[in-house]
Amino acid sequence: MPPEHADSTYEAGTGAAPQSDVMALKILVAGGFGVGKTTLVGAVSEIRPLRTEELLSEAGQSVDDTDGVARKTTTTVAMDFGRITIRSGLSLYLFGTPGQDRFWFLWDELSQGALGAVVLADTRRLEDCFPAVDYFEHRRIPFVVAVNCFTGARSYSEQEVSRALDLDPGTPVVLCDARDRDSGKEVLIRMVEYAGRMHTARLLDSVS
């Protein structure tokens, strides 16, 4: 829990911390192993990001697929955490999820009270983000797919990525550079706008 709201909980279904002068929204950053989640959180965070990275070990070689990310030497074992102020009165708390299947038991805890999620995708390993897409679709958590444009990777249009992932109609797909703060911030703004529309539509449906 972020220190500013250590004594409060996120309002269920909205991702907002109640009774605060500053609206704080909880956003998850998810995706496959080595896709750039830690990089994105670190690039946009205005505070020193909390990281729980450990060196890859020989014991994990049989379960950690490093094909396409052979130079990766560490992995997130719990979460990444950062904060960014989008505008006056609106801050986002970013929770980066671990990418390997063996850490999925943490996802249910991290997703509690989240407004929505960013699913990072790598076109060299596009299938690696299928589990995250399925996870959020099944739990009706709004998400955007952000294609991290790695050097040398084949370029795909947003429409091609949407078809390849069989996304629900209207799910946004954006191109980004996870290393660039402005690019990451644009992704988060799209996420907040889309999630806001989805939650509003569901609220109206529930009272109609």
Protein backbone atom coordinates (compact mmCIF):
# COMPACT_ATOMS: atom_id res chain seq x y z
CA MET A 1 0.00 0.00 0.00
CA PRO A 2 1.41 3.42 -0.91
CA PRO A 3 2.51 5.43 2.15
CA GLU A 4 0.14 8.32 1.45
CA HIS A 5 -2.83 6.01 2.00
CA ALA A 6 -1.38 3.45 4.37
CA ASP A 7 -4.48 3.60 6.58
CA SER A 8 -7.06 3.47 3.81
CA THR A 9 -8.19 0.96 1.22
CA TYR A 10 -9.00 1.43 -2.44
CA GLU A 11 -12.66 1.86 -3.19
CA ALA A 12 -13.81 -1.39 -4.76
CA GLY A 13 -14.36 -1.24 -8.49
CA THR A 14 -13.03 2.28 -8.95
CA GLY A 15 -9.36 2.08 -8.13
CA ALA A 16 -9.60 5.32 -6.17
CA ALA A 17 -8.50 5.90 -2.61
CA PRO A 18 -11.47 7.50 -0.77
CA GLN A 19 -11.42 10.57 1.46
CA SER A 20 -8.39 12.19 -0.13
CA ASP A 21 -7.69 15.67 -1.46
CA VAL A 22 -5.77 14.02 -4.30
CA MET A 23 -7.48 11.34 -6.35
CA ALA A 24 -5.16 8.33 -6.44
CA LEU A 25 -5.90 5.62 -8.98
CA LYS A 26 -4.39 2.15 -8.94
CA ILE A 27 -3.13 0.83 -12.28
CA LEU A 28 -1.56 -2.54 -12.98
CA VAL A 29 1.25 -2.98 -15.50
CA ALA A 30 1.22 -6.57 -16.75
CA GLY A 31 2.52 -8.73 -19.56
CA GLY A 32 4.92 -11.53 -20.30
CA PHE A 33 8.42 -12.18 -19.03
CA GLY A 34 10.95 -9.55 -20.17
CA VAL A 35 8.42 -7.35 -21.96
CA GLY A 36 9.42 -4.11 -20.20
CA LYS A 37 7.12 -3.77 -17.20
CA THR A 38 9.87 -2.78 -14.76
CA THR A 39 11.31 -0.42 -17.38
CA LEU A 40 7.96 1.33 -17.92
CA VAL A 41 7.27 1.82 -14.21
CA GLY A 42 10.79 3.12 -13.66
CA ALA A 43 10.65 5.47 -16.66
CA VAL A 44 7.43 7.24 -15.67
CA SER A 45 7.66 7.18 -11.87
CA GLU A 46 8.30 10.53 -10.20
CA ILE A 47 9.53 8.76 -7.07
CA ARG A 48 12.28 6.20 -6.80
CA PRO A 49 10.48 3.02 -7.88
CA LEU A 50 10.23 0.06 -5.57
CA ARG A 51 11.58 -3.03 -7.28
CA THR A 52 11.68 -6.67 -6.19
CA GLU A 53 14.07 -8.04 -8.77
CA GLU A 54 16.26 -11.07 -8.27
CA LEU A 55 18.96 -12.56 -10.46
CA LEU A 56 17.86 -15.37 -12.73
CA SER A 57 19.18 -18.68 -11.45
CA GLU A 58 20.04 -22.02 -12.98
CA ALA A 59 17.12 -23.52 -11.07
CA GLY A 60 14.72 -21.30 -13.01
CA GLN A 61 16.08 -22.07 -16.47
CA SER A 62 13.50 -24.79 -17.04
CA VAL A 63 10.56 -22.46 -16.35
CA ASP A 64 11.80 -19.02 -17.45
CA ASP A 65 11.67 -18.76 -21.23
CA THR A 66 14.37 -16.24 -22.19
CA ASP A 67 14.04 -16.80 -25.93
CA GLY A 68 14.17 -13.34 -27.48
CA VAL A 69 15.36 -11.72 -24.24
CA ALA A 70 18.61 -13.63 -23.78
CA ARG A 71 20.36 -10.63 -22.21
CA LYS A 72 17.83 -10.41 -19.38
CA THR A 73 19.53 -11.31 -16.09
CA THR A 74 16.89 -10.43 -13.47
CA THR A 75 13.21 -11.06 -12.85
CA THR A 76 10.49 -9.44 -10.75
CA VAL A 77 9.44 -11.79 -7.95
CA ALA A 78 6.72 -9.73 -6.24
CA MET A 79 5.92 -6.38 -7.84
CA ASP A 80 7.24 -3.05 -9.04
CA PHE A 81 5.74 0.11 -7.59
CA GLY A 82 5.85 3.71 -8.79
CA ARG A 83 3.80 6.90 -8.79
CA ILE A 84 3.12 9.53 -11.40
CA THR A 85 1.05 12.72 -11.24
CA ILE A 86 -1.00 13.03 -14.43
CA ARG A 87 -2.35 16.46 -13.57
CA SER A 88 -3.05 18.53 -10.48
CA GLY A 89 -5.21 16.44 -8.14
CA LEU A 90 -4.77 13.16 -10.02
CA SER A 91 -2.01 10.66 -9.30
CA LEU A 92 -1.55 7.10 -10.48
CA TYR A 93 -0.09 4.34 -8.35
CA LEU A 94 1.55 1.82 -10.65
CA PHE A 95 1.88 -1.83 -9.70
CA GLY A 96 4.00 -3.92 -12.04
CA THR A 97 3.11 -7.61 -11.90
CA PRO A 98 5.59 -10.51 -12.14
CA GLY A 99 5.60 -12.12 -15.56
CA GLN A 100 6.21 -15.80 -14.82
CA ASP A 101 3.39 -18.27 -14.29
CA ARG A 102 4.73 -19.40 -10.92
CA PHE A 103 4.07 -15.93 -9.46
CA TRP A 104 0.48 -15.68 -10.66
CA PHE A 105 -0.89 -16.22 -7.16
CA LEU A 106 0.14 -12.58 -6.55
CA TRP A 107 -2.04 -11.20 -9.33
CA ASP A 108 -5.33 -11.55 -7.44
CA GLU A 109 -3.93 -9.52 -4.55
CA LEU A 110 -2.43 -6.86 -6.79
CA SER A 111 -5.61 -6.47 -8.85
CA GLN A 112 -7.82 -5.68 -5.85
CA GLY A 113 -9.20 -2.16 -6.26
CA ALA A 114 -7.45 -1.49 -9.57
CA LEU A 115 -9.08 0.94 -11.98
CA GLY A 116 -7.54 -0.89 -14.90
CA ALA A 117 -4.38 -2.29 -16.42
CA VAL A 118 -1.77 -1.83 -19.10
CA VAL A 119 -0.80 -5.06 -20.86
CA LEU A 120 2.63 -4.66 -22.41
CA ALA A 121 3.25 -6.67 -25.57
CA ASP A 122 6.38 -7.58 -27.51
CA THR A 123 5.69 -8.43 -31.17
CA ARG A 124 8.58 -10.93 -31.08
CA ARG A 125 6.73 -12.87 -28.37
CA LEU A 126 3.17 -11.71 -28.81
CA GLU A 127 1.74 -14.94 -27.43
CA ASP A 128 3.33 -14.17 -24.04
CA CYS A 129 0.68 -11.55 -23.27
CA PHE A 130 -2.26 -13.91 -23.93
CA PRO A 131 -2.51 -14.95 -20.24
CA ALA A 132 -2.68 -11.31 -19.09
CA VAL A 133 -5.32 -10.47 -21.71
CA ASP A 134 -7.40 -13.47 -20.64
CA TYR A 135 -6.97 -12.61 -16.96
CA PHE A 136 -8.33 -9.08 -17.30
CA GLU A 137 -11.06 -9.98 -19.78
CA HIS A 138 -12.43 -12.72 -17.52
CA ARG A 139 -12.43 -10.38 -14.50
CA ARG A 140 -13.88 -7.47 -16.49
CA ILE A 141 -10.96 -5.22 -15.57
CA PRO A 142 -10.52 -2.59 -18.30
CA PHE A 143 -7.13 -2.68 -19.99
CA VAL A 144 -5.18 -1.30 -22.91
CA VAL A 145 -2.54 -3.19 -24.85
CA ALA A 146 0.69 -1.23 -25.20
CA VAL A 147 3.06 -2.60 -27.83
CA ASN A 148 6.62 -1.98 -26.66
CA CYS A 149 8.51 -1.20 -29.87
CA PHE A 150 11.80 -3.06 -29.42
CA THR A 151 14.64 -2.29 -31.81
CA GLY A 152 14.69 -4.82 -34.62
CA ALA A 153 11.21 -6.19 -33.91
CA ARG A 154 8.74 -6.47 -36.76
CA SER A 155 6.33 -3.55 -36.92
CA TYR A 156 2.63 -4.31 -36.62
CA SER A 157 -0.29 -1.92 -36.91
CA GLU A 158 -2.64 -1.48 -33.97
CA GLN A 159 -5.34 -3.28 -35.96
CA GLU A 160 -3.06 -6.25 -36.65
CA VAL A 161 -2.20 -6.60 -32.97
CA SER A 162 -5.87 -6.39 -32.01
CA ARG A 163 -6.75 -9.18 -34.44
CA ALA A 164 -3.80 -11.35 -33.41
CA LEU A 165 -4.81 -11.12 -29.74
CA ASP A 166 -8.53 -11.48 -30.54
CA LEU A 167 -9.32 -8.48 -28.35
CA ASP A 168 -12.85 -7.46 -27.50
CA PRO A 169 -14.10 -4.66 -29.77
CA GLY A 170 -13.04 -1.25 -28.51
CA THR A 171 -10.06 -2.44 -26.46
CA PRO A 172 -7.35 0.16 -27.20
CA VAL A 173 -4.00 -0.82 -28.68
CA VAL A 174 -1.21 1.76 -28.57
CA LEU A 175 2.44 1.76 -29.63
CA CYS A 176 5.01 2.88 -27.10
CA ASP A 177 8.63 2.95 -26.00
CA ALA A 178 8.72 1.73 -22.40
CA ARG A 179 12.02 3.56 -21.86
CA ASP A 180 10.55 6.97 -22.69
CA ARG A 181 8.67 8.84 -19.97
CA ASP A 182 6.42 10.82 -22.31
CA SER A 183 5.51 7.70 -24.28
CA GLY A 184 4.68 5.82 -21.09
CA LYS A 185 2.64 8.73 -19.77
CA GLU A 186 0.54 8.78 -22.95
CA VAL A 187 -0.21 5.08 -22.48
CA LEU A 188 -1.36 5.71 -18.91
CA ILE A 189 -3.58 8.62 -19.95
CA ARG A 190 -5.24 6.38 -22.56
CA MET A 191 -5.71 3.74 -19.87
CA VAL A 192 -7.38 6.14 -17.44
CA GLU A 193 -9.67 7.59 -20.12
CA TYR A 194 -10.73 4.16 -21.37
CA ALA A 195 -11.25 2.69 -17.91
CA GLY A 196 -13.26 5.75 -16.87
CA ARG A 197 -15.61 5.27 -19.83
CA MET A 198 -15.99 1.56 -19.11
CA HIS A 199 -16.75 2.01 -15.40
CA THR A 200 -19.23 4.81 -16.16
CA ALA A 201 -21.03 2.67 -18.75
CA ARG A 202 -21.27 -0.25 -16.31
CA LEU A 203 -22.61 2.02 -13.58
CA LEU A 204 -25.29 3.36 -15.89
CA ASP A 205 -26.21 -0.16 -16.95
CA SER A 206 -26.56 -1.24 -13.33
CA VAL A 207 -29.04 1.54 -12.49
CA SER A 208 -31.07 1.42 -15.70
